[in-house]
Amino acid sequence: MDQLVDEALKRNISPLLILAYGNQFYENGGKPFTDEGIWAFTKYAEFVVQHFKGRVSRYEIWNEWEHTTGETAKGSPEAYVQLARKVYPAIKKIDPQAEVLVGAVGATGMKQGYLERIIRLGILDYGDMLTLHPYMHCEWLSGPESWTRWMKRVGEQLENWSGRPVPVYLTEMGWPSHQGRCGVSEETQAEYLRKIFKRARDLPFIKGIWWYDLQNDGNDPANQEHNFGLVREDFTEKPSFSALREIAR
């Protein structure tokens, strides 16, 4: 991890580290929700932040808590807010300049009440930025136009639930270029990337997008998880890499 962070910094890339997942010595490796588990997770977060202080400026607390990520059971909104309530001040005490990201809510959590619940429970008091993962490649009506309409509604909902405008980072967003259900061609993937970045600029509550992901995870053309990348498994460029290069300029 030290090598990864140092090489990123040499290339003017600002790393975002995700604090996750379970520990075999607490909660049987599951999500931390007891006093002891939360204490242990907080100590882990403190160690990571102290270690990377001065090199890493952003940390995200967990990844899609409402799902089974990290081979853990789905977590409740109440437990997530309780975790953030302890971890956030611990990080800020060590590095007051660090930006602490909370939420990391996937599309299901955004649509089925989890996001609303953590907002109403006060998650915005225990982080510096809310983060979302608004995938929609398996929706019946999908594409940049539908995505833009959905994101506009999300911004309005967040403001309604919290009583104020809520800025967000999209720390995961992408479109798979696999063959089969929910997939698009590599050319369409590039077109969607280009349109989504441009249309996000017209939604001022969106403050940044982390595209998922850099490299294909495998070479099976029919496997969705193998085909999210900007480059193929052998690092040859896909059309979406060129599209993002254009967007970056």
Protein backbone atom coordinates (compact mmCIF):
# COMPACT_ATOMS: atom_id res chain seq x y z
CA MET A 1 0.00 0.00 0.00
CA ASP A 2 2.89 2.36 0.72
CA GLN A 3 4.27 1.73 -2.76
CA LEU A 4 0.85 2.28 -4.34
CA VAL A 5 0.32 5.59 -2.55
CA ASP A 6 3.84 6.86 -3.22
CA GLU A 7 3.70 5.99 -6.93
CA ALA A 8 0.29 7.65 -7.21
CA LEU A 9 1.60 10.85 -5.63
CA LYS A 10 4.51 10.93 -8.09
CA ARG A 11 1.88 11.06 -10.85
CA ASN A 12 -0.13 13.83 -9.18
CA ILE A 13 -2.89 11.38 -8.25
CA SER A 14 -4.55 12.01 -4.88
CA PRO A 15 -5.41 8.61 -3.36
CA LEU A 16 -8.73 7.90 -1.68
CA LEU A 17 -8.46 5.02 0.80
CA ILE A 18 -11.48 2.99 1.88
CA LEU A 19 -11.51 1.89 5.50
CA ALA A 20 -13.01 -1.63 5.42
CA TYR A 21 -13.76 -4.60 5.94
CA GLY A 22 -14.20 -7.12 8.78
CA ASN A 23 -11.60 -8.51 11.17
CA GLN A 24 -11.55 -12.21 12.06
CA PHE A 25 -11.05 -11.39 15.75
CA TYR A 26 -14.22 -9.29 16.02
CA GLU A 27 -17.84 -10.01 15.07
CA ASN A 28 -16.66 -13.29 13.49
CA GLY A 29 -15.21 -11.23 10.64
CA GLY A 30 -18.44 -9.36 10.01
CA LYS A 31 -19.37 -5.70 10.15
CA PRO A 32 -18.41 -3.94 13.39
CA PHE A 33 -21.56 -3.15 15.37
CA THR A 34 -20.84 -4.05 19.01
CA ASP A 35 -18.97 -1.66 21.30
CA GLU A 36 -15.90 -3.89 21.11
CA GLY A 37 -16.06 -4.22 17.32
CA ILE A 38 -16.48 -0.50 16.80
CA TRP A 39 -13.60 0.21 19.19
CA ALA A 40 -11.34 -2.16 17.23
CA PHE A 41 -12.36 -0.70 13.87
CA THR A 42 -11.70 2.81 15.20
CA LYS A 43 -8.20 1.79 16.32
CA TYR A 44 -7.57 0.36 12.84
CA ALA A 45 -8.74 3.63 11.25
CA GLU A 46 -6.50 5.64 13.57
CA PHE A 47 -3.49 3.52 12.64
CA VAL A 48 -4.09 3.91 8.89
CA VAL A 49 -4.61 7.68 9.12
CA GLN A 50 -1.53 8.17 11.31
CA HIS A 51 0.54 6.06 8.92
CA PHE A 52 -0.52 7.97 5.79
CA LYS A 53 -0.78 11.45 7.31
CA GLY A 54 0.67 13.97 4.87
CA ARG A 55 0.27 11.60 1.92
CA VAL A 56 -3.42 10.68 1.90
CA SER A 57 -6.09 13.32 2.38
CA ARG A 58 -9.33 11.35 1.82
CA TYR A 59 -10.76 8.36 3.65
CA GLU A 60 -14.10 6.64 3.07
CA ILE A 61 -15.79 4.73 5.89
CA TRP A 62 -16.74 1.28 4.55
CA ASN A 63 -18.14 0.43 1.13
CA GLU A 64 -21.85 -0.21 0.56
CA TRP A 65 -22.64 -1.12 4.16
CA GLU A 66 -26.19 -1.99 3.12
CA HIS A 67 -24.87 -4.83 0.93
CA THR A 68 -22.79 -7.94 1.58
CA THR A 69 -19.46 -6.40 0.56
CA GLY A 70 -16.41 -7.88 2.23
CA GLU A 71 -18.25 -11.18 2.63
CA THR A 72 -20.32 -9.72 5.47
CA ALA A 73 -24.04 -9.69 6.19
CA LYS A 74 -26.09 -6.66 5.21
CA GLY A 75 -25.78 -3.88 7.78
CA SER A 76 -28.44 -1.63 9.26
CA PRO A 77 -28.46 2.16 8.80
CA GLU A 78 -28.41 2.59 12.58
CA ALA A 79 -25.23 0.53 12.93
CA TYR A 80 -23.48 2.44 10.15
CA VAL A 81 -24.24 5.82 11.68
CA GLN A 82 -23.03 4.55 15.05
CA LEU A 83 -19.74 3.46 13.45
CA ALA A 84 -19.23 6.81 11.70
CA ARG A 85 -20.05 8.64 14.94
CA LYS A 86 -16.97 7.04 16.53
CA VAL A 87 -14.59 6.90 13.57
CA TYR A 88 -15.07 10.46 12.27
CA PRO A 89 -13.77 12.36 15.34
CA ALA A 90 -10.96 9.84 15.77
CA ILE A 91 -9.70 10.55 12.25
CA LYS A 92 -10.06 14.33 12.62
CA LYS A 93 -8.12 14.29 15.89
CA ILE A 94 -5.14 12.73 14.14
CA ASP A 95 -5.42 14.67 10.88
CA PRO A 96 -7.78 17.67 11.02
CA GLN A 97 -7.15 18.32 7.32
CA ALA A 98 -8.30 14.87 6.23
CA GLU A 99 -11.59 14.69 4.34
CA VAL A 100 -13.77 11.92 5.74
CA LEU A 101 -16.31 10.44 3.32
CA VAL A 102 -19.42 8.67 4.55
CA GLY A 103 -22.26 6.78 2.91
CA ALA A 104 -20.77 4.84 0.00
CA VAL A 105 -24.38 3.93 -0.74
CA GLY A 106 -25.15 1.74 -3.75
CA ALA A 107 -28.09 2.08 -6.12
CA THR A 108 -30.32 -0.31 -4.14
CA GLY A 109 -29.74 1.59 -0.92
CA MET A 110 -30.45 4.86 -2.71
CA LYS A 111 -33.81 3.60 -3.93
CA GLN A 112 -35.07 1.41 -1.10
CA GLY A 113 -34.86 3.72 1.90
CA TYR A 114 -31.38 3.10 3.29
CA LEU A 115 -29.99 6.43 2.09
CA GLU A 116 -32.94 8.37 3.45
CA ARG A 117 -32.61 6.60 6.78
CA ILE A 118 -28.92 7.40 7.34
CA ILE A 119 -29.58 11.03 6.38
CA ARG A 120 -32.41 11.30 8.89
CA LEU A 121 -30.23 9.58 11.52
CA GLY A 122 -27.66 12.36 11.13
CA ILE A 123 -24.89 10.81 9.04
CA LEU A 124 -24.02 14.24 7.63
CA ASP A 125 -22.82 15.25 11.11
CA TYR A 126 -20.20 12.49 11.05
CA GLY A 127 -18.47 13.11 7.74
CA ASP A 128 -17.23 15.86 5.46
CA MET A 129 -18.80 14.54 2.26
CA LEU A 130 -21.58 12.12 1.37
CA THR A 131 -20.69 9.48 -1.24
CA LEU A 132 -22.92 7.52 -3.60
CA HIS A 133 -22.53 4.69 -6.15
CA PRO A 134 -25.35 5.38 -8.66
CA TYR A 135 -25.05 2.47 -11.09
CA MET A 136 -28.04 1.90 -13.34
CA HIS A 137 -26.82 -0.41 -16.12
CA CYS A 138 -29.42 -3.06 -15.28
CA GLU A 139 -32.39 -0.70 -15.17
CA TRP A 140 -35.13 -1.19 -17.74
CA LEU A 141 -34.73 2.43 -18.85
CA SER A 142 -31.01 3.07 -18.63
CA GLY A 143 -28.54 5.42 -20.28
CA PRO A 144 -27.14 8.90 -19.64
CA GLU A 145 -30.51 10.61 -20.08
CA SER A 146 -32.26 8.41 -17.51
CA TRP A 147 -29.24 8.62 -15.21
CA THR A 148 -29.30 12.44 -15.32
CA ARG A 149 -33.00 12.58 -14.45
CA TRP A 150 -32.45 10.17 -11.58
CA MET A 151 -29.50 12.14 -10.21
CA LYS A 152 -31.51 15.36 -10.33
CA ARG A 153 -34.21 13.67 -8.22
CA VAL A 154 -31.59 12.36 -5.79
CA GLY A 155 -30.23 15.87 -5.27
CA GLU A 156 -33.73 17.15 -4.55
CA GLN A 157 -34.44 14.27 -2.17
CA LEU A 158 -31.23 14.84 -0.22
CA GLU A 159 -32.08 18.50 0.22
CA ASN A 160 -35.61 17.61 1.33
CA TRP A 161 -34.45 15.00 3.85
CA SER A 162 -31.71 17.16 5.36
CA GLY A 163 -33.18 20.63 4.99
CA ARG A 164 -30.18 21.94 3.06
CA PRO A 165 -28.25 21.30 -0.16
CA VAL A 166 -26.07 18.20 0.16
CA PRO A 167 -22.87 18.00 -1.91
CA VAL A 168 -21.81 14.50 -2.93
CA TYR A 169 -18.95 12.58 -4.46
CA LEU A 170 -19.78 9.66 -6.73
CA THR A 171 -16.95 7.41 -5.54
CA GLU A 172 -18.13 4.60 -7.82
CA MET A 173 -19.81 5.03 -11.17
CA GLY A 174 -19.39 2.96 -14.31
CA TRP A 175 -20.90 0.95 -17.12
CA PRO A 176 -19.84 -2.60 -18.06
CA SER A 177 -18.93 -3.45 -21.66
CA HIS A 178 -19.73 -7.15 -21.51
CA GLN A 179 -21.80 -9.24 -23.89
CA GLY A 180 -25.20 -10.07 -22.44
CA ARG A 181 -27.81 -8.64 -20.12
CA CYS A 182 -26.98 -5.19 -18.72
CA GLY A 183 -23.91 -4.86 -20.97
CA VAL A 184 -23.09 -2.43 -23.77
CA SER A 185 -20.40 -2.31 -26.44
CA GLU A 186 -17.02 -0.75 -25.70
CA GLU A 187 -17.96 2.14 -27.98
CA THR A 188 -21.22 2.73 -26.13
CA GLN A 189 -19.43 2.53 -22.80
CA ALA A 190 -17.19 5.39 -23.97
CA GLU A 191 -20.18 7.40 -25.19
CA TYR A 192 -21.98 6.95 -21.87
CA LEU A 193 -18.88 7.97 -19.91
CA ARG A 194 -18.51 11.12 -21.96
CA LYS A 195 -22.16 12.10 -21.56
CA ILE A 196 -22.35 11.33 -17.85
CA PHE A 197 -19.31 13.45 -17.00
CA LYS A 198 -20.61 16.34 -19.07
CA ARG A 199 -24.14 16.18 -17.67
CA ALA A 200 -22.89 15.90 -14.12
CA ARG A 201 -21.44 19.39 -14.54
CA ASP A 202 -25.03 20.65 -14.82
CA LEU A 203 -25.87 19.09 -11.44
CA PRO A 204 -23.96 21.35 -9.02
CA PHE A 205 -24.42 19.07 -6.00
CA ILE A 206 -22.12 16.50 -7.67
CA LYS A 207 -18.58 17.51 -6.75
CA GLY A 208 -16.59 14.62 -8.24
CA ILE A 209 -16.78 11.27 -10.02
CA TRP A 210 -14.51 8.25 -9.52
CA TRP A 211 -15.09 6.04 -12.57
CA TYR A 212 -15.21 2.29 -11.95
CA ASP A 213 -12.80 1.05 -12.91
CA LEU A 214 -9.34 1.36 -14.41
CA GLN A 215 -8.58 -2.19 -15.60
CA ASN A 216 -10.83 -5.06 -16.66
CA ASP A 217 -10.84 -7.71 -13.94
CA GLY A 218 -10.62 -10.60 -16.42
CA ASN A 219 -10.91 -11.54 -20.07
CA ASP A 220 -14.31 -13.26 -20.21
CA PRO A 221 -16.41 -11.17 -22.64
CA ALA A 222 -19.65 -12.42 -21.05
CA ASN A 223 -18.67 -11.65 -17.44
CA GLN A 224 -19.99 -8.31 -16.23
CA GLU A 225 -17.38 -7.87 -13.49
CA HIS A 226 -14.59 -8.49 -16.01
CA ASN A 227 -15.58 -5.58 -18.25
CA PHE A 228 -15.95 -2.33 -16.28
CA GLY A 229 -12.42 -1.15 -17.08
CA LEU A 230 -11.09 1.79 -19.07
CA VAL A 231 -8.39 -0.57 -20.28
CA ARG A 232 -8.48 -4.30 -20.95
CA GLU A 233 -6.83 -6.89 -18.73
CA ASP A 234 -3.62 -6.60 -20.79
CA PHE A 235 -3.73 -2.79 -20.38
CA THR A 236 -4.59 -2.05 -24.02
CA GLU A 237 -6.82 0.99 -24.16
CA LYS A 238 -10.57 0.74 -24.63
CA PRO A 239 -12.48 3.63 -26.26
CA SER A 240 -13.55 4.79 -22.79
CA PHE A 241 -9.91 5.51 -21.88
CA SER A 242 -9.66 7.98 -24.75
CA ALA A 243 -13.03 9.44 -23.77
CA LEU A 244 -11.87 10.10 -20.22
CA ARG A 245 -8.63 11.59 -21.50
CA GLU A 246 -10.74 14.09 -23.47
CA ILE A 247 -12.93 14.80 -20.44
CA ALA A 248 -9.85 15.38 -18.26
CA ARG A 249 -8.68 18.15 -20.57
